[in-house]
All heavy atoms as atom14 arrays in JSON, in Angstrom:
{
  "sequence": "LAGDRDDALPLPLDVSDRAAVRRAGERLAEAFGG",
  "atom14_mask": [
    [1, 1, 1, 1, 1, 1, 1, 1, 0, 0, 0, 0, 0, 0],
    [1, 1, 1, 1, 1, 0, 0, 0, 0, 0, 0, 0, 0, 0],
    [1, 1, 1, 1, 0, 0, 0, 0, 0, 0, 0, 0, 0, 0],
    [1, 1, 1, 1, 1, 1, 1, 1, 0, 0, 0, 0, 0, 0],
    [1, 1, 1, 1, 1, 1, 1, 1, 1, 1, 1, 0, 0, 0],
    [1, 1, 1, 1, 1, 1, 1, 1, 0, 0, 0, 0, 0, 0],
    [1, 1, 1, 1, 1, 1, 1, 1, 0, 0, 0, 0, 0, 0],
    [1, 1, 1, 1, 1, 0, 0, 0, 0, 0, 0, 0, 0, 0],
    [1, 1, 1, 1, 1, 1, 1, 1, 0, 0, 0, 0, 0, 0],
    [1, 1, 1, 1, 1, 1, 1, 0, 0, 0, 0, 0, 0, 0],
    [1, 1, 1, 1, 1, 1, 1, 1, 0, 0, 0, 0, 0, 0],
    [1, 1, 1, 1, 1, 1, 1, 0, 0, 0, 0, 0, 0, 0],
    [1, 1, 1, 1, 1, 1, 1, 1, 0, 0, 0, 0, 0, 0],
    [1, 1, 1, 1, 1, 1, 1, 1, 0, 0, 0, 0, 0, 0],
    [1, 1, 1, 1, 1, 1, 1, 0, 0, 0, 0, 0, 0, 0],
    [1, 1, 1, 1, 1, 1, 0, 0, 0, 0, 0, 0, 0, 0],
    [1, 1, 1, 1, 1, 1, 1, 1, 0, 0, 0, 0, 0, 0],
    [1, 1, 1, 1, 1, 1, 1, 1, 1, 1, 1, 0, 0, 0],
    [1, 1, 1, 1, 1, 0, 0, 0, 0, 0, 0, 0, 0, 0],
    [1, 1, 1, 1, 1, 0, 0, 0, 0, 0, 0, 0, 0, 0],
    [1, 1, 1, 1, 1, 1, 1, 0, 0, 0, 0, 0, 0, 0],
    [1, 1, 1, 1, 1, 1, 1, 1, 1, 1, 1, 0, 0, 0],
    [1, 1, 1, 1, 1, 1, 1, 1, 1, 1, 1, 0, 0, 0],
    [1, 1, 1, 1, 1, 0, 0, 0, 0, 0, 0, 0, 0, 0],
    [1, 1, 1, 1, 0, 0, 0, 0, 0, 0, 0, 0, 0, 0],
    [1, 1, 1, 1, 1, 1, 1, 1, 1, 0, 0, 0, 0, 0],
    [1, 1, 1, 1, 1, 1, 1, 1, 1, 1, 1, 0, 0, 0],
    [1, 1, 1, 1, 1, 1, 1, 1, 0, 0, 0, 0, 0, 0],
    [1, 1, 1, 1, 1, 0, 0, 0, 0, 0, 0, 0, 0, 0],
    [1, 1, 1, 1, 1, 1, 1, 1, 1, 0, 0, 0, 0, 0],
    [1, 1, 1, 1, 1, 0, 0, 0, 0, 0, 0, 0, 0, 0],
    [1, 1, 1, 1, 1, 1, 1, 1, 1, 1, 1, 0, 0, 0],
    [1, 1, 1, 1, 0, 0, 0, 0, 0, 0, 0, 0, 0, 0],
    [1, 1, 1, 1, 0, 0, 0, 0, 0, 0, 0, 0, 0, 0]
  ],
  "atom14_positions": [
    [[-19.99, 123.33, 33.05], [-20.27, 124.19, 31.98], [-21.7, 124.83, 32.0], [-21.91, 125.97, 31.93], [-20.12, 123.55, 30.64], [-20.44, 124.29, 29.3], [-19.61, 125.54, 29.17], [-20.33, 123.43, 28.11], [0.0, 0.0, 0.0], [0.0, 0.0, 0.0], [0.0, 0.0, 0.0], [0.0, 0.0, 0.0], [0.0, 0.0, 0.0], [0.0, 0.0, 0.0]],
    [[-22.67, 123.95, 32.39], [-24.04, 124.39, 32.4], [-24.39, 125.11, 33.65], [-25.24, 126.09, 33.71], [-25.0, 123.14, 32.31], [0.0, 0.0, 0.0], [0.0, 0.0, 0.0], [0.0, 0.0, 0.0], [0.0, 0.0, 0.0], [0.0, 0.0, 0.0], [0.0, 0.0, 0.0], [0.0, 0.0, 0.0], [0.0, 0.0, 0.0], [0.0, 0.0, 0.0]],
    [[-23.75, 124.83, 34.82], [-24.02, 125.49, 36.08], [-25.5, 125.3, 36.4], [-26.08, 124.25, 36.26], [0.0, 0.0, 0.0], [0.0, 0.0, 0.0], [0.0, 0.0, 0.0], [0.0, 0.0, 0.0], [0.0, 0.0, 0.0], [0.0, 0.0, 0.0], [0.0, 0.0, 0.0], [0.0, 0.0, 0.0], [0.0, 0.0, 0.0], [0.0, 0.0, 0.0]],
    [[-26.12, 126.34, 36.95], [-27.52, 126.27, 37.29], [-28.41, 127.04, 36.32], [-29.5, 127.48, 36.65], [-27.73, 126.88, 38.75], [-27.16, 128.38, 38.8], [-26.71, 128.89, 37.75], [-27.36, 128.91, 39.96], [0.0, 0.0, 0.0], [0.0, 0.0, 0.0], [0.0, 0.0, 0.0], [0.0, 0.0, 0.0], [0.0, 0.0, 0.0], [0.0, 0.0, 0.0]],
    [[-27.88, 127.19, 35.1], [-28.71, 127.87, 34.14], [-29.91, 127.04, 33.65], [-29.87, 125.96, 33.43], [-27.83, 128.16, 32.83], [-26.55, 128.89, 33.03], [-25.77, 129.07, 31.8], [-26.48, 129.83, 30.81], [-26.19, 131.03, 30.42], [-25.12, 131.64, 30.89], [-26.88, 131.69, 29.51], [0.0, 0.0, 0.0], [0.0, 0.0, 0.0], [0.0, 0.0, 0.0]],
    [[-31.1, 127.78, 33.5], [-32.25, 127.13, 33.1], [-32.26, 126.82, 31.59], [-32.96, 125.96, 31.18], [-33.59, 128.04, 33.45], [-33.78, 128.18, 34.89], [-33.34, 127.29, 35.64], [-34.33, 129.22, 35.3], [0.0, 0.0, 0.0], [0.0, 0.0, 0.0], [0.0, 0.0, 0.0], [0.0, 0.0, 0.0], [0.0, 0.0, 0.0], [0.0, 0.0, 0.0]],
    [[-31.42, 127.56, 30.88], [-31.36, 127.32, 29.44], [-30.34, 126.42, 28.89], [-30.16, 126.17, 27.74], [-31.23, 128.76, 28.72], [-30.03, 129.43, 29.17], [-29.27, 129.03, 30.09], [-29.82, 130.66, 28.71], [0.0, 0.0, 0.0], [0.0, 0.0, 0.0], [0.0, 0.0, 0.0], [0.0, 0.0, 0.0], [0.0, 0.0, 0.0], [0.0, 0.0, 0.0]],
    [[-29.69, 125.74, 29.88], [-28.73, 124.73, 29.47], [-29.12, 123.39, 30.06], [-29.42, 123.22, 31.25], [-27.26, 125.11, 30.15], [0.0, 0.0, 0.0], [0.0, 0.0, 0.0], [0.0, 0.0, 0.0], [0.0, 0.0, 0.0], [0.0, 0.0, 0.0], [0.0, 0.0, 0.0], [0.0, 0.0, 0.0], [0.0, 0.0, 0.0], [0.0, 0.0, 0.0]],
    [[-29.17, 122.37, 29.06], [-29.51, 120.97, 29.43], [-28.27, 120.17, 29.27], [-27.91, 119.76, 28.21], [-30.64, 120.53, 28.53], [-30.97, 119.03, 28.66], [-31.62, 118.74, 30.04], [-32.0, 118.67, 27.49], [0.0, 0.0, 0.0], [0.0, 0.0, 0.0], [0.0, 0.0, 0.0], [0.0, 0.0, 0.0], [0.0, 0.0, 0.0], [0.0, 0.0, 0.0]],
    [[-27.69, 119.71, 30.38], [-26.52, 118.74, 30.4], [-26.98, 117.37, 29.87], [-28.03, 116.82, 30.52], [-25.95, 118.74, 31.79], [-26.46, 119.92, 32.41], [-27.92, 120.05, 31.77], [0.0, 0.0, 0.0], [0.0, 0.0, 0.0], [0.0, 0.0, 0.0], [0.0, 0.0, 0.0], [0.0, 0.0, 0.0], [0.0, 0.0, 0.0], [0.0, 0.0, 0.0]],
    [[-26.41, 116.8, 28.91], [-26.89, 115.61, 28.28], [-25.64, 114.66, 28.12], [-25.15, 114.51, 26.97], [-27.62, 115.73, 26.94], [-28.58, 114.67, 26.46], [-29.73, 114.49, 27.51], [-29.12, 115.14, 25.13], [0.0, 0.0, 0.0], [0.0, 0.0, 0.0], [0.0, 0.0, 0.0], [0.0, 0.0, 0.0], [0.0, 0.0, 0.0], [0.0, 0.0, 0.0]],
    [[-25.1, 114.04, 29.22], [-23.84, 113.3, 28.99], [-24.11, 112.16, 28.01], [-25.11, 111.44, 27.98], [-23.64, 112.71, 30.38], [-24.38, 113.64, 31.27], [-25.51, 114.15, 30.56], [0.0, 0.0, 0.0], [0.0, 0.0, 0.0], [0.0, 0.0, 0.0], [0.0, 0.0, 0.0], [0.0, 0.0, 0.0], [0.0, 0.0, 0.0], [0.0, 0.0, 0.0]],
    [[-23.09, 111.96, 27.18], [-23.27, 111.04, 26.04], [-21.96, 110.65, 25.4], [-21.12, 111.53, 25.09], [-24.2, 111.72, 25.06], [-24.59, 110.9, 23.7], [-25.41, 109.77, 24.13], [-25.36, 111.92, 22.69], [0.0, 0.0, 0.0], [0.0, 0.0, 0.0], [0.0, 0.0, 0.0], [0.0, 0.0, 0.0], [0.0, 0.0, 0.0], [0.0, 0.0, 0.0]],
    [[-21.85, 109.38, 25.06], [-20.83, 108.89, 24.08], [-21.42, 108.66, 22.75], [-22.32, 107.79, 22.69], [-20.2, 107.51, 24.71], [-19.08, 106.99, 23.73], [-18.96, 107.57, 22.66], [-18.51, 105.99, 24.06], [0.0, 0.0, 0.0], [0.0, 0.0, 0.0], [0.0, 0.0, 0.0], [0.0, 0.0, 0.0], [0.0, 0.0, 0.0], [0.0, 0.0, 0.0]],
    [[-21.19, 109.48, 21.8], [-21.89, 109.43, 20.5], [-21.67, 108.06, 19.79], [-22.45, 107.76, 18.95], [-21.52, 110.54, 19.59], [-21.92, 111.91, 20.25], [-20.03, 110.57, 19.24], [0.0, 0.0, 0.0], [0.0, 0.0, 0.0], [0.0, 0.0, 0.0], [0.0, 0.0, 0.0], [0.0, 0.0, 0.0], [0.0, 0.0, 0.0], [0.0, 0.0, 0.0]],
    [[-20.6, 107.27, 20.2], [-20.39, 106.03, 19.62], [-21.37, 104.96, 20.07], [-21.45, 103.92, 19.43], [-18.97, 105.58, 19.96], [-17.98, 106.49, 19.47], [0.0, 0.0, 0.0], [0.0, 0.0, 0.0], [0.0, 0.0, 0.0], [0.0, 0.0, 0.0], [0.0, 0.0, 0.0], [0.0, 0.0, 0.0], [0.0, 0.0, 0.0], [0.0, 0.0, 0.0]],
    [[-22.09, 105.29, 21.06], [-23.06, 104.34, 21.71], [-24.45, 104.63, 21.06], [-25.12, 105.62, 21.35], [-23.1, 104.49, 23.12], [-24.01, 103.5, 23.83], [-25.03, 102.94, 23.14], [-23.86, 103.14, 24.99], [0.0, 0.0, 0.0], [0.0, 0.0, 0.0], [0.0, 0.0, 0.0], [0.0, 0.0, 0.0], [0.0, 0.0, 0.0], [0.0, 0.0, 0.0]],
    [[-24.85, 103.78, 20.05], [-26.01, 104.07, 19.3], [-27.28, 104.12, 20.2], [-28.15, 105.04, 19.96], [-26.22, 103.09, 18.19], [-27.33, 103.17, 17.26], [-27.34, 102.2, 16.19], [-28.47, 102.26, 15.23], [-28.7, 101.5, 14.26], [-27.86, 100.47, 13.98], [-29.74, 101.66, 13.46], [0.0, 0.0, 0.0], [0.0, 0.0, 0.0], [0.0, 0.0, 0.0]],
    [[-27.35, 103.17, 21.06], [-28.65, 103.13, 21.98], [-28.67, 104.33, 22.86], [-29.72, 104.88, 23.03], [-28.61, 101.83, 22.75], [0.0, 0.0, 0.0], [0.0, 0.0, 0.0], [0.0, 0.0, 0.0], [0.0, 0.0, 0.0], [0.0, 0.0, 0.0], [0.0, 0.0, 0.0], [0.0, 0.0, 0.0], [0.0, 0.0, 0.0], [0.0, 0.0, 0.0]],
    [[-27.52, 104.73, 23.37], [-27.48, 105.9, 24.26], [-27.84, 107.2, 23.52], [-28.56, 108.0, 24.02], [-26.07, 106.03, 24.84], [0.0, 0.0, 0.0], [0.0, 0.0, 0.0], [0.0, 0.0, 0.0], [0.0, 0.0, 0.0], [0.0, 0.0, 0.0], [0.0, 0.0, 0.0], [0.0, 0.0, 0.0], [0.0, 0.0, 0.0], [0.0, 0.0, 0.0]],
    [[-27.41, 107.3, 22.24], [-27.83, 108.42, 21.42], [-29.28, 108.43, 21.14], [-29.96, 109.48, 21.25], [-27.07, 108.49, 20.08], [-27.51, 109.63, 19.21], [-25.59, 108.59, 20.35], [0.0, 0.0, 0.0], [0.0, 0.0, 0.0], [0.0, 0.0, 0.0], [0.0, 0.0, 0.0], [0.0, 0.0, 0.0], [0.0, 0.0, 0.0], [0.0, 0.0, 0.0]],
    [[-29.92, 107.38, 20.88], [-31.37, 107.33, 20.77], [-32.06, 107.73, 22.08], [-33.09, 108.45, 21.96], [-31.76, 105.97, 20.22], [-31.42, 105.6, 18.82], [-32.18, 104.37, 18.3], [-32.03, 104.32, 16.76], [-32.41, 103.23, 16.13], [-33.08, 102.22, 16.84], [-32.29, 103.33, 14.79], [0.0, 0.0, 0.0], [0.0, 0.0, 0.0], [0.0, 0.0, 0.0]],
    [[-31.53, 107.31, 23.13], [-32.16, 107.65, 24.36], [-32.01, 109.29, 24.62], [-32.96, 109.9, 25.06], [-31.56, 106.92, 25.58], [-31.89, 105.46, 25.63], [-31.53, 104.8, 26.97], [-30.08, 104.83, 27.16], [-29.3, 103.83, 26.76], [-29.76, 102.79, 26.14], [-28.01, 103.94, 27.07], [0.0, 0.0, 0.0], [0.0, 0.0, 0.0], [0.0, 0.0, 0.0]],
    [[-30.95, 109.73, 24.22], [-30.74, 111.21, 24.25], [-31.72, 111.86, 23.42], [-32.24, 113.0, 23.79], [-29.24, 111.54, 23.79], [0.0, 0.0, 0.0], [0.0, 0.0, 0.0], [0.0, 0.0, 0.0], [0.0, 0.0, 0.0], [0.0, 0.0, 0.0], [0.0, 0.0, 0.0], [0.0, 0.0, 0.0], [0.0, 0.0, 0.0], [0.0, 0.0, 0.0]],
    [[-31.98, 111.38, 22.23], [-33.06, 111.87, 21.32], [-34.43, 111.96, 21.99], [-35.09, 113.03, 21.93], [0.0, 0.0, 0.0], [0.0, 0.0, 0.0], [0.0, 0.0, 0.0], [0.0, 0.0, 0.0], [0.0, 0.0, 0.0], [0.0, 0.0, 0.0], [0.0, 0.0, 0.0], [0.0, 0.0, 0.0], [0.0, 0.0, 0.0], [0.0, 0.0, 0.0]],
    [[-34.7, 110.9, 22.75], [-36.01, 110.85, 23.45], [-35.98, 112.01, 24.59], [-37.05, 112.56, 24.83], [-36.21, 109.53, 24.08], [-36.34, 108.35, 22.98], [-36.34, 107.03, 23.51], [-36.09, 106.87, 24.79], [-36.5, 106.1, 22.76], [0.0, 0.0, 0.0], [0.0, 0.0, 0.0], [0.0, 0.0, 0.0], [0.0, 0.0, 0.0], [0.0, 0.0, 0.0]],
    [[-34.86, 112.07, 25.26], [-34.77, 113.12, 26.34], [-34.9, 114.52, 25.63], [-35.56, 115.42, 26.29], [-33.44, 113.0, 27.0], [-33.14, 114.08, 28.09], [-33.97, 113.77, 29.25], [-33.68, 114.83, 30.3], [-34.34, 116.01, 30.46], [-35.35, 116.19, 29.64], [-34.04, 116.78, 31.37], [0.0, 0.0, 0.0], [0.0, 0.0, 0.0], [0.0, 0.0, 0.0]],
    [[-34.34, 114.75, 24.55], [-34.42, 116.06, 23.82], [-35.82, 116.39, 23.5], [-36.34, 117.45, 23.57], [-33.42, 116.04, 22.63], [-31.98, 116.24, 22.79], [-31.18, 115.85, 21.67], [-31.72, 117.7, 23.34], [0.0, 0.0, 0.0], [0.0, 0.0, 0.0], [0.0, 0.0, 0.0], [0.0, 0.0, 0.0], [0.0, 0.0, 0.0], [0.0, 0.0, 0.0]],
    [[-36.47, 115.29, 23.0], [-37.92, 115.51, 22.6], [-38.75, 115.96, 23.73], [-39.69, 116.73, 23.59], [-38.42, 114.22, 21.93], [0.0, 0.0, 0.0], [0.0, 0.0, 0.0], [0.0, 0.0, 0.0], [0.0, 0.0, 0.0], [0.0, 0.0, 0.0], [0.0, 0.0, 0.0], [0.0, 0.0, 0.0], [0.0, 0.0, 0.0], [0.0, 0.0, 0.0]],
    [[-38.57, 115.31, 24.86], [-39.31, 115.68, 26.15], [-38.97, 117.11, 26.55], [-39.87, 117.83, 27.02], [-38.86, 114.72, 27.24], [-39.33, 113.24, 27.06], [-38.79, 112.36, 28.1], [-38.03, 112.84, 28.98], [-39.05, 111.12, 27.99], [0.0, 0.0, 0.0], [0.0, 0.0, 0.0], [0.0, 0.0, 0.0], [0.0, 0.0, 0.0], [0.0, 0.0, 0.0]],
    [[-37.67, 117.51, 26.53], [-37.25, 118.78, 27.01], [-37.55, 119.95, 26.05], [-38.01, 121.06, 26.51], [-35.76, 118.8, 27.28], [0.0, 0.0, 0.0], [0.0, 0.0, 0.0], [0.0, 0.0, 0.0], [0.0, 0.0, 0.0], [0.0, 0.0, 0.0], [0.0, 0.0, 0.0], [0.0, 0.0, 0.0], [0.0, 0.0, 0.0], [0.0, 0.0, 0.0]],
    [[-37.4, 119.72, 24.71], [-37.33, 120.86, 23.77], [-38.43, 120.65, 22.74], [-38.88, 121.68, 22.17], [-36.04, 120.89, 22.93], [-34.88, 121.42, 23.84], [-33.62, 121.56, 23.18], [-34.94, 121.77, 25.07], [-32.52, 122.0, 23.92], [-34.04, 122.33, 25.8], [-32.74, 122.4, 25.2], [0.0, 0.0, 0.0], [0.0, 0.0, 0.0], [0.0, 0.0, 0.0]],
    [[-39.0, 119.52, 22.56], [-40.07, 119.28, 21.52], [-39.38, 119.11, 20.21], [-39.21, 118.0, 19.74], [0.0, 0.0, 0.0], [0.0, 0.0, 0.0], [0.0, 0.0, 0.0], [0.0, 0.0, 0.0], [0.0, 0.0, 0.0], [0.0, 0.0, 0.0], [0.0, 0.0, 0.0], [0.0, 0.0, 0.0], [0.0, 0.0, 0.0], [0.0, 0.0, 0.0]],
    [[-38.88, 120.19, 19.59], [-38.24, 120.09, 18.39], [-36.82, 120.78, 18.5], [-36.44, 121.25, 19.57], [0.0, 0.0, 0.0], [0.0, 0.0, 0.0], [0.0, 0.0, 0.0], [0.0, 0.0, 0.0], [0.0, 0.0, 0.0], [0.0, 0.0, 0.0], [0.0, 0.0, 0.0], [0.0, 0.0, 0.0], [0.0, 0.0, 0.0], [0.0, 0.0, 0.0]]
  ]
}
């Protein structure tokens, strides 16, 4: 879906995994800020 687009950030995630979602939040903070 994302291909080689610079404006798409693939973030594989099972939302049922609480710890994984928190790590995804940290990744989002690094990539997007807000």
